[in-house]
C-alpha atoms as a PDB file:
ATOM      1  CA  MET A   1      68.843 114.928  88.846  1.00  0.00           C
ATOM      2  CA  PRO A   2      70.652 118.072  90.089  1.00  0.00           C
ATOM      3  CA  GLU A   3      72.160 118.096  93.572  1.00  0.00           C
ATOM      4  CA  SER A   4      70.672 120.262  96.266  1.00  0.00           C
ATOM      5  CA  LYS A   5      72.642 123.137  97.781  1.00  0.00           C
ATOM      6  CA  THR A   6      72.827 121.424 101.189  1.00  0.00           C
ATOM      7  CA  ARG A   7      74.687 118.477  99.698  1.00  0.00           C
ATOM      8  CA  ARG A   8      77.342 120.697  98.185  1.00  0.00           C
ATOM      9  CA  LYS A   9      78.028 122.353 101.542  1.00  0.00           C
ATOM     10  CA  ASN A  10      78.554 119.033 103.354  1.00  0.00           C
ATOM     11  CA  ARG A  11      81.151 117.665 100.955  1.00  0.00           C
ATOM     12  CA  LYS A  12      84.634 116.929 102.249  1.00  0.00           C
ATOM     13  CA  PRO A  13      87.478 118.901 100.697  1.00  0.00           C
ATOM     14  CA  GLN A  14      89.107 117.225  97.723  1.00  0.00           C
ATOM     15  CA  GLY A  15      92.410 117.632  95.969  1.00  0.00           C
ATOM     16  CA  SER A  16      95.497 119.145  97.558  1.00  0.00           C
ATOM     17  CA  ASP A  17      93.674 120.307 100.716  1.00  0.00           C
ATOM     18  CA  ALA A  18      92.765 116.759 101.735  1.00  0.00           C
ATOM     19  CA  ALA A  19      96.262 115.436 100.982  1.00  0.00           C
ATOM     20  CA  ALA A  20      97.934 118.265 102.881  1.00  0.00           C
ATOM     21  CA  GLN A  21      95.896 117.524 105.991  1.00  0.00           C
ATOM     22  CA  THR A  22      96.989 113.884 106.141  1.00  0.00           C
ATOM     23  CA  TYR A  23     100.716 114.636 105.747  1.00  0.00           C
ATOM     24  CA  ASP A  24     101.047 117.518 108.187  1.00  0.00           C
ATOM     25  CA  LYS A  25     102.892 115.519 110.832  1.00  0.00           C
ATOM     26  CA  PRO A  26     106.621 115.046 110.182  1.00  0.00           C
ATOM     27  CA  LEU A  27     108.229 111.692 110.841  1.00  0.00           C
ATOM     28  CA  PRO A  28     110.170 111.186 114.054  1.00  0.00           C
ATOM     29  CA  LYS A  29     113.932 111.477 113.753  1.00  0.00           C
ATOM     30  CA  TRP A  30     114.436 107.803 114.613  1.00  0.00           C
ATOM     31  CA  TYR A  31     112.314 106.526 111.692  1.00  0.00           C
ATOM     32  CA  LYS A  32     114.883 106.692 108.883  1.00  0.00           C
ATOM     33  CA  PRO A  33     117.812 105.236 110.845  1.00  0.00           C
ATOM     34  CA  VAL A  34     115.658 102.345 112.076  1.00  0.00           C
ATOM     35  CA  MET A  35     114.292 101.716 108.579  1.00  0.00           C
ATOM     36  CA  PHE A  36     117.704 101.611 106.912  1.00  0.00           C
ATOM     37  CA  GLY A  37     119.224  99.804 109.886  1.00  0.00           C
ATOM     38  CA  LEU A  38     116.721  96.956 109.651  1.00  0.00           C
ATOM     39  CA  MET A  39     117.310  96.558 105.931  1.00  0.00           C
ATOM     40  CA  LEU A  40     121.077  96.461 106.412  1.00  0.00           C
ATOM     41  CA  LEU A  41     120.883  94.191 109.454  1.00  0.00           C
ATOM     42  CA  GLY A  42     118.809  91.680 107.495  1.00  0.00           C
ATOM     43  CA  LEU A  43     121.301  91.752 104.634  1.00  0.00           C
ATOM     44  CA  VAL A  44     124.286  91.353 106.972  1.00  0.00           C
ATOM     45  CA  TRP A  45     122.511  88.527 108.839  1.00  0.00           C
ATOM     46  CA  ILE A  46     122.084  86.542 105.612  1.00  0.00           C
ATOM     47  CA  MET A  47     125.628  87.302 104.439  1.00  0.00           C
ATOM     48  CA  VAL A  48     127.128  86.140 107.746  1.00  0.00           C
ATOM     49  CA  TYR A  49     125.049  82.966 107.571  1.00  0.00           C
ATOM     50  CA  TYR A  50     126.389  82.076 104.121  1.00  0.00           C
ATOM     51  CA  ILE A  51     129.980  83.249 104.611  1.00  0.00           C
ATOM     52  CA  SER A  52     130.363  81.341 107.882  1.00  0.00           C
ATOM     53  CA  GLN A  53     128.967  78.205 106.198  1.00  0.00           C
ATOM     54  CA  THR A  54     125.907  78.096 108.486  1.00  0.00           C
ATOM     55  CA  LEU A  55     127.914  78.369 111.744  1.00  0.00           C
ATOM     56  CA  PHE A  56     126.791  81.907 112.614  1.00  0.00           C
ATOM     57  CA  PRO A  57     124.747  83.962 113.680  1.00  0.00           C
ATOM     58  CA  ILE A  58     122.691  81.233 115.454  1.00  0.00           C
ATOM     59  CA  PRO A  59     123.984  77.745 114.566  1.00  0.00           C
ATOM     60  CA  ASP A  60     121.246  75.710 116.266  1.00  0.00           C
ATOM     61  CA  ILE A  61     118.348  77.014 114.179  1.00  0.00           C
ATOM     62  CA  GLY A  62     119.868  76.238 110.776  1.00  0.00           C
ATOM     63  CA  GLY A  63     117.880  77.531 107.832  1.00  0.00           C
ATOM     64  CA  TRP A  64     115.691  79.714 110.025  1.00  0.00           C
ATOM     65  CA  ASN A  65     118.561  82.198 109.964  1.00  0.00           C
ATOM     66  CA  ILE A  66     117.529  83.039 106.409  1.00  0.00           C
ATOM     67  CA  VAL A  67     113.947  83.624 107.534  1.00  0.00           C
ATOM     68  CA  ILE A  68     115.168  85.943 110.300  1.00  0.00           C
ATOM     69  CA  GLY A  69     117.368  87.879 107.849  1.00  0.00           C
ATOM     70  CA  PHE A  70     114.614  88.288 105.289  1.00  0.00           C
ATOM     71  CA  GLY A  71     112.140  89.164 108.039  1.00  0.00           C
ATOM     72  CA  LEU A  72     114.344  91.985 109.316  1.00  0.00           C
ATOM     73  CA  ALA A  73     114.868  93.308 105.804  1.00  0.00           C
ATOM     74  CA  MET A  74     111.156  93.114 104.975  1.00  0.00           C
ATOM     75  CA  VAL A  75     110.197  95.091 108.083  1.00  0.00           C
ATOM     76  CA  GLY A  76     112.597  97.786 106.878  1.00  0.00           C
ATOM     77  CA  PHE A  77     111.122  97.696 103.388  1.00  0.00           C
ATOM     78  CA  PHE A  78     107.580  97.907 104.764  1.00  0.00           C
ATOM     79  CA  MET A  79     108.623 100.965 106.733  1.00  0.00           C
ATOM     80  CA  THR A  80     109.470 102.692 103.445  1.00  0.00           C
ATOM     81  CA  THR A  81     105.750 102.923 102.663  1.00  0.00           C
ATOM     82  CA  GLY A  82     105.334 105.395 105.519  1.00  0.00           C
ATOM     83  CA  TRP A  83     108.450 107.408 104.723  1.00  0.00           C
ATOM     84  CA  ARG A  84     107.781 110.991 103.626  1.00  0.00           C
END
């Protein structure tokens, strides 16, 4: 069944117009440094944990240091999904 003319007028724009409207806002200047900083901090956290033979960064929590390191790195990696 053919569409009526009123339906065609109420349609939302498709294609490049719709995509351009969602990406108009630039990212804040702090976004990239925080993103890369979290990834590097997580990596350094895990490296320090292994190199110091589990004495640093926080000796009392033991293996949870690995969870903290991976958590920091994963937050940085999740931030890459919003990077434009």
